[in-house]
Amino acid sequence: MKQYHFDFLCKKQEKEIRKTVIAKGNCVGMALDDAAKQAVSWFGTSDIYLESYFISNIF
């Protein structure tokens, strides 16, 4: 299983807000989908951007 760290960016009222979401899974697509849902919930808007991500192996 892999652990993915996704950094999301949201621009609200001329401010840039960043949030890192950690998701686990075997497939980056499914982990990104889960992380994006969490980020949308946290930001309160779907107007977000994926800024970066990295993968780490866990056992």
PDB file of N, CA and C in Angstrom:
ATOM      1  N   MET A   1       0.843  -1.170   0.000  1.00  0.00           N
ATOM      2  CA  MET A   1       0.000   0.000   0.000  1.00  0.00           C
ATOM      3  C   MET A   1       0.894   1.240   0.000  1.00  0.00           C
ATOM      4  N   LYS A   2       0.433   2.294  -0.634  1.00  0.00           N
ATOM      5  CA  LYS A   2       1.203   3.530  -0.720  1.00  0.00           C
ATOM      6  C   LYS A   2       0.463   4.652  -0.009  1.00  0.00           C
ATOM      7  N   GLN A   3       1.222   5.608   0.429  1.00  0.00           N
ATOM      8  CA  GLN A   3       0.650   6.785   1.063  1.00  0.00           C
ATOM      9  C   GLN A   3       0.944   7.983   0.156  1.00  0.00           C
ATOM     10  N   TYR A   4      -0.069   8.765  -0.134  1.00  0.00           N
ATOM     11  CA  TYR A   4       0.042   9.908  -1.027  1.00  0.00           C
ATOM     12  C   TYR A   4      -0.200  11.193  -0.243  1.00  0.00           C
ATOM     13  N   HIS A   5       0.620  12.178  -0.480  1.00  0.00           N
ATOM     14  CA  HIS A   5       0.455  13.495   0.125  1.00  0.00           C
ATOM     15  C   HIS A   5       0.093  14.466  -1.006  1.00  0.00           C
ATOM     16  N   PHE A   6      -1.093  15.026  -0.940  1.00  0.00           N
ATOM     17  CA  PHE A   6      -1.569  15.944  -1.964  1.00  0.00           C
ATOM     18  C   PHE A   6      -1.650  17.347  -1.375  1.00  0.00           C
ATOM     19  N   ASP A   7      -1.056  18.310  -2.048  1.00  0.00           N
ATOM     20  CA  ASP A   7      -1.108  19.705  -1.620  1.00  0.00           C
ATOM     21  C   ASP A   7      -2.094  20.443  -2.510  1.00  0.00           C
ATOM     22  N   PHE A   8      -3.149  20.942  -1.888  1.00  0.00           N
ATOM     23  CA  PHE A   8      -4.188  21.665  -2.612  1.00  0.00           C
ATOM     24  C   PHE A   8      -4.084  23.153  -2.321  1.00  0.00           C
ATOM     25  N   LEU A   9      -4.480  23.955  -3.298  1.00  0.00           N
ATOM     26  CA  LEU A   9      -4.467  25.400  -3.198  1.00  0.00           C
ATOM     27  C   LEU A   9      -5.869  25.915  -3.457  1.00  0.00           C
ATOM     28  N   CYS A  10      -6.300  26.869  -2.640  1.00  0.00           N
ATOM     29  CA  CYS A  10      -7.595  27.507  -2.826  1.00  0.00           C
ATOM     30  C   CYS A  10      -7.372  29.014  -2.724  1.00  0.00           C
ATOM     31  N   LYS A  11      -7.925  29.757  -3.657  1.00  0.00           N
ATOM     32  CA  LYS A  11      -7.814  31.214  -3.623  1.00  0.00           C
ATOM     33  C   LYS A  11      -9.160  31.782  -3.197  1.00  0.00           C
ATOM     34  N   LYS A  12      -9.161  32.370  -1.986  1.00  0.00           N
ATOM     35  CA  LYS A  12     -10.379  32.962  -1.436  1.00  0.00           C
ATOM     36  C   LYS A  12     -10.102  34.401  -1.059  1.00  0.00           C
ATOM     37  N   GLN A  13     -10.899  35.298  -1.548  1.00  0.00           N
ATOM     38  CA  GLN A  13     -10.811  36.713  -1.192  1.00  0.00           C
ATOM     39  C   GLN A  13      -9.379  37.232  -1.264  1.00  0.00           C
ATOM     40  N   GLU A  14      -8.739  37.018  -2.393  1.00  0.00           N
ATOM     41  CA  GLU A  14      -7.374  37.486  -2.650  1.00  0.00           C
ATOM     42  C   GLU A  14      -6.310  36.809  -1.785  1.00  0.00           C
ATOM     43  N   LYS A  15      -6.661  35.741  -1.061  1.00  0.00           N
ATOM     44  CA  LYS A  15      -5.689  35.007  -0.254  1.00  0.00           C
ATOM     45  C   LYS A  15      -5.499  33.614  -0.824  1.00  0.00           C
ATOM     46  N   GLU A  16      -4.288  33.121  -0.724  1.00  0.00           N
ATOM     47  CA  GLU A  16      -3.991  31.749  -1.114  1.00  0.00           C
ATOM     48  C   GLU A  16      -3.936  30.890   0.144  1.00  0.00           C
ATOM     49  N   ILE A  17      -4.759  29.862   0.189  1.00  0.00           N
ATOM     50  CA  ILE A  17      -4.810  28.958   1.330  1.00  0.00           C
ATOM     51  C   ILE A  17      -4.384  27.582   0.843  1.00  0.00           C
ATOM     52  N   ARG A  18      -3.482  26.967   1.572  1.00  0.00           N
ATOM     53  CA  ARG A  18      -2.985  25.637   1.198  1.00  0.00           C
ATOM     54  C   ARG A  18      -3.366  24.614   2.257  1.00  0.00           C
ATOM     55  N   LYS A  19      -3.578  23.391   1.794  1.00  0.00           N
ATOM     56  CA  LYS A  19      -3.940  22.286   2.687  1.00  0.00           C
ATOM     57  C   LYS A  19      -3.304  21.023   2.142  1.00  0.00           C
ATOM     58  N   THR A  20      -2.625  20.273   3.012  1.00  0.00           N
ATOM     59  CA  THR A  20      -2.072  18.982   2.642  1.00  0.00           C
ATOM     60  C   THR A  20      -3.025  17.896   3.126  1.00  0.00           C
ATOM     61  N   VAL A  21      -3.387  17.000   2.215  1.00  0.00           N
ATOM     62  CA  VAL A  21      -4.271  15.885   2.544  1.00  0.00           C
ATOM     63  C   VAL A  21      -3.503  14.595   2.292  1.00  0.00           C
ATOM     64  N   ILE A  22      -3.544  13.692   3.255  1.00  0.00           N
ATOM     65  CA  ILE A  22      -2.861  12.405   3.132  1.00  0.00           C
ATOM     66  C   ILE A  22      -3.900  11.326   2.874  1.00  0.00           C
ATOM     67  N   ALA A  23      -3.660  10.523   1.839  1.00  0.00           N
ATOM     68  CA  ALA A  23      -4.568   9.428   1.489  1.00  0.00           C
ATOM     69  C   ALA A  23      -3.743   8.173   1.250  1.00  0.00           C
ATOM     70  N   LYS A  24      -4.311   7.029   1.567  1.00  0.00           N
ATOM     71  CA  LYS A  24      -3.642   5.747   1.364  1.00  0.00           C
ATOM     72  C   LYS A  24      -4.384   4.949   0.308  1.00  0.00           C
ATOM     73  N   GLY A  25      -3.640   4.122  -0.428  1.00  0.00           N
ATOM     74  CA  GLY A  25      -4.258   3.272  -1.420  1.00  0.00           C
ATOM     75  C   GLY A  25      -3.232   2.644  -2.335  1.00  0.00           C
ATOM     76  N   ASN A  26      -3.707   1.805  -3.233  1.00  0.00           N
ATOM     77  CA  ASN A  26      -2.820   1.152  -4.202  1.00  0.00           C
ATOM     78  C   ASN A  26      -2.774   1.893  -5.526  1.00  0.00           C
ATOM     79  N   CYS A  27      -3.719   2.809  -5.730  1.00  0.00           N
ATOM     80  CA  CYS A  27      -3.844   3.509  -7.012  1.00  0.00           C
ATOM     81  C   CYS A  27      -3.886   5.011  -6.758  1.00  0.00           C
ATOM     82  N   VAL A  28      -3.051   5.763  -7.482  1.00  0.00           N
ATOM     83  CA  VAL A  28      -2.998   7.210  -7.279  1.00  0.00           C
ATOM     84  C   VAL A  28      -4.326   7.873  -7.642  1.00  0.00           C
ATOM     85  N   GLY A  29      -5.034   7.364  -8.626  1.00  0.00           N
ATOM     86  CA  GLY A  29      -6.303   7.961  -9.040  1.00  0.00           C
ATOM     87  C   GLY A  29      -7.354   7.885  -7.944  1.00  0.00           C
ATOM     88  N   MET A  30      -7.459   6.741  -7.317  1.00  0.00           N
ATOM     89  CA  MET A  30      -8.447   6.589  -6.248  1.00  0.00           C
ATOM     90  C   MET A  30      -8.046   7.407  -5.020  1.00  0.00           C
ATOM     91  N   ALA A  31      -6.762   7.460  -4.716  1.00  0.00           N
ATOM     92  CA  ALA A  31      -6.291   8.257  -3.584  1.00  0.00           C
ATOM     93  C   ALA A  31      -6.526   9.743  -3.843  1.00  0.00           C
ATOM     94  N   LEU A  32      -6.296  10.195  -5.077  1.00  0.00           N
ATOM     95  CA  LEU A  32      -6.532  11.596  -5.425  1.00  0.00           C
ATOM     96  C   LEU A  32      -8.010  11.943  -5.313  1.00  0.00           C
ATOM     97  N   ASP A  33      -8.871  11.047  -5.763  1.00  0.00           N
ATOM     98  CA  ASP A  33     -10.314  11.282  -5.664  1.00  0.00           C
ATOM     99  C   ASP A  33     -10.730  11.452  -4.203  1.00  0.00           C
ATOM    100  N   ASP A  34     -10.237  10.577  -3.355  1.00  0.00           N
ATOM    101  CA  ASP A  34     -10.552  10.656  -1.926  1.00  0.00           C
ATOM    102  C   ASP A  34      -9.997  11.945  -1.318  1.00  0.00           C
ATOM    103  N   ALA A  35      -8.766  12.281  -1.652  1.00  0.00           N
ATOM    104  CA  ALA A  35      -8.135  13.487  -1.107  1.00  0.00           C
ATOM    105  C   ALA A  35      -8.847  14.748  -1.588  1.00  0.00           C
ATOM    106  N   ALA A  36      -9.266  14.768  -2.847  1.00  0.00           N
ATOM    107  CA  ALA A  36      -9.970  15.931  -3.380  1.00  0.00           C
ATOM    108  C   ALA A  36     -11.302  16.137  -2.666  1.00  0.00           C
ATOM    109  N   LYS A  37     -12.009  15.068  -2.383  1.00  0.00           N
ATOM    110  CA  LYS A  37     -13.272  15.177  -1.640  1.00  0.00           C
ATOM    111  C   LYS A  37     -13.033  15.748  -0.252  1.00  0.00           C
ATOM    112  N   GLN A  38     -11.960  15.308   0.390  1.00  0.00           N
ATOM    113  CA  GLN A  38     -11.628  15.835   1.715  1.00  0.00           C
ATOM    114  C   GLN A  38     -11.274  17.321   1.636  1.00  0.00           C
ATOM    115  N   ALA A  39     -10.519  17.698   0.608  1.00  0.00           N
ATOM    116  CA  ALA A  39     -10.116  19.094   0.451  1.00  0.00           C
ATOM    117  C   ALA A  39     -11.320  19.988   0.167  1.00  0.00           C
ATOM    118  N   VAL A  40     -12.229  19.539  -0.687  1.00  0.00           N
ATOM    119  CA  VAL A  40     -13.441  20.311  -0.989  1.00  0.00           C
ATOM    120  C   VAL A  40     -14.237  20.529   0.293  1.00  0.00           C
ATOM    121  N   SER A  41     -14.344  19.493   1.098  1.00  0.00           N
ATOM    122  CA  SER A  41     -15.062  19.608   2.361  1.00  0.00           C
ATOM    123  C   SER A  41     -14.362  20.595   3.297  1.00  0.00           C
ATOM    124  N   TRP A  42     -13.063  20.543   3.371  1.00  0.00           N
ATOM    125  CA  TRP A  42     -12.301  21.412   4.258  1.00  0.00           C
ATOM    126  C   TRP A  42     -12.362  22.869   3.812  1.00  0.00           C
ATOM    127  N   PHE A  43     -12.184  23.110   2.486  1.00  0.00           N
ATOM    128  CA  PHE A  43     -12.210  24.474   1.958  1.00  0.00           C
ATOM    129  C   PHE A  43     -13.631  25.035   1.866  1.00  0.00           C
ATOM    130  N   GLY A  44     -14.602  24.167   1.711  1.00  0.00           N
ATOM    131  CA  GLY A  44     -15.980  24.622   1.562  1.00  0.00           C
ATOM    132  C   GLY A  44     -16.301  25.079   0.155  1.00  0.00           C
ATOM    133  N   THR A  45     -15.463  24.722  -0.799  1.00  0.00           N
ATOM    134  CA  THR A  45     -15.671  25.077  -2.207  1.00  0.00           C
ATOM    135  C   THR A  45     -14.970  24.048  -3.080  1.00  0.00           C
ATOM    136  N   SER A  46     -15.456  23.904  -4.301  1.00  0.00           N
ATOM    137  CA  SER A  46     -14.795  22.991  -5.237  1.00  0.00           C
ATOM    138  C   SER A  46     -13.806  23.739  -6.133  1.00  0.00           C
ATOM    139  N   ASP A  47     -13.620  25.012  -5.884  1.00  0.00           N
ATOM    140  CA  ASP A  47     -12.681  25.819  -6.661  1.00  0.00           C
ATOM    141  C   ASP A  47     -11.283  25.682  -6.057  1.00  0.00           C
ATOM    142  N   ILE A  48     -10.695  24.501  -6.248  1.00  0.00           N
ATOM    143  CA  ILE A  48      -9.383  24.198  -5.690  1.00  0.00           C
ATOM    144  C   ILE A  48      -8.462  23.690  -6.797  1.00  0.00           C
ATOM    145  N   TYR A  49      -7.176  23.729  -6.524  1.00  0.00           N
ATOM    146  CA  TYR A  49      -6.168  23.286  -7.484  1.00  0.00           C
ATOM    147  C   TYR A  49      -5.213  22.326  -6.796  1.00  0.00           C
ATOM    148  N   LEU A  50      -4.807  21.296  -7.512  1.00  0.00           N
ATOM    149  CA  LEU A  50      -3.774  20.401  -7.012  1.00  0.00           C
ATOM    150  C   LEU A  50      -2.435  21.052  -7.316  1.00  0.00           C
ATOM    151  N   GLU A  51      -1.714  21.389  -6.257  1.00  0.00           N
ATOM    152  CA  GLU A  51      -0.450  22.095  -6.434  1.00  0.00           C
ATOM    153  C   GLU A  51       0.715  21.125  -6.587  1.00  0.00           C
ATOM    154  N   SER A  52       0.736  20.070  -5.769  1.00  0.00           N
ATOM    155  CA  SER A  52       1.799  19.074  -5.864  1.00  0.00           C
ATOM    156  C   SER A  52       1.388  17.827  -5.100  1.00  0.00           C
ATOM    157  N   TYR A  53       2.151  16.758  -5.308  1.00  0.00           N
ATOM    158  CA  TYR A  53       1.926  15.538  -4.534  1.00  0.00           C
ATOM    159  C   TYR A  53       3.192  14.714  -4.514  1.00  0.00           C
ATOM    160  N   PHE A  54       3.268  13.829  -3.519  1.00  0.00           N
ATOM    161  CA  PHE A  54       4.354  12.857  -3.532  1.00  0.00           C
ATOM    162  C   PHE A  54       3.862  11.557  -2.944  1.00  0.00           C
ATOM    163  N   ILE A  55       4.579  10.499  -3.249  1.00  0.00           N
ATOM    164  CA  ILE A  55       4.190   9.137  -2.883  1.00  0.00           C
ATOM    165  C   ILE A  55       5.249   8.563  -1.945  1.00  0.00           C
ATOM    166  N   SER A  56       4.786   7.859  -0.928  1.00  0.00           N
ATOM    167  CA  SER A  56       5.720   7.114  -0.074  1.00  0.00           C
ATOM    168  C   SER A  56       5.167   5.725   0.135  1.00  0.00           C
ATOM    169  N   ASN A  57       6.036   4.742   0.125  1.00  0.00           N
ATOM    170  CA  ASN A  57       5.621   3.360   0.349  1.00  0.00           C
ATOM    171  C   ASN A  57       5.497   3.109   1.836  1.00  0.00           C
ATOM    172  N   ILE A  58       4.422   2.430   2.210  1.00  0.00           N
ATOM    173  CA  ILE A  58       4.251   2.007   3.585  1.00  0.00           C
ATOM    174  C   ILE A  58       3.955   0.521   3.590  1.00  0.00           C
ATOM    175  N   PHE A  59       4.151  -0.106   4.692  1.00  0.00           N
ATOM    176  CA  PHE A  59       3.935  -1.553   4.756  1.00  0.00           C
ATOM    177  C   PHE A  59       2.876  -1.891   5.750  1.00  0.00           C
TER     178      PHE A  59
END
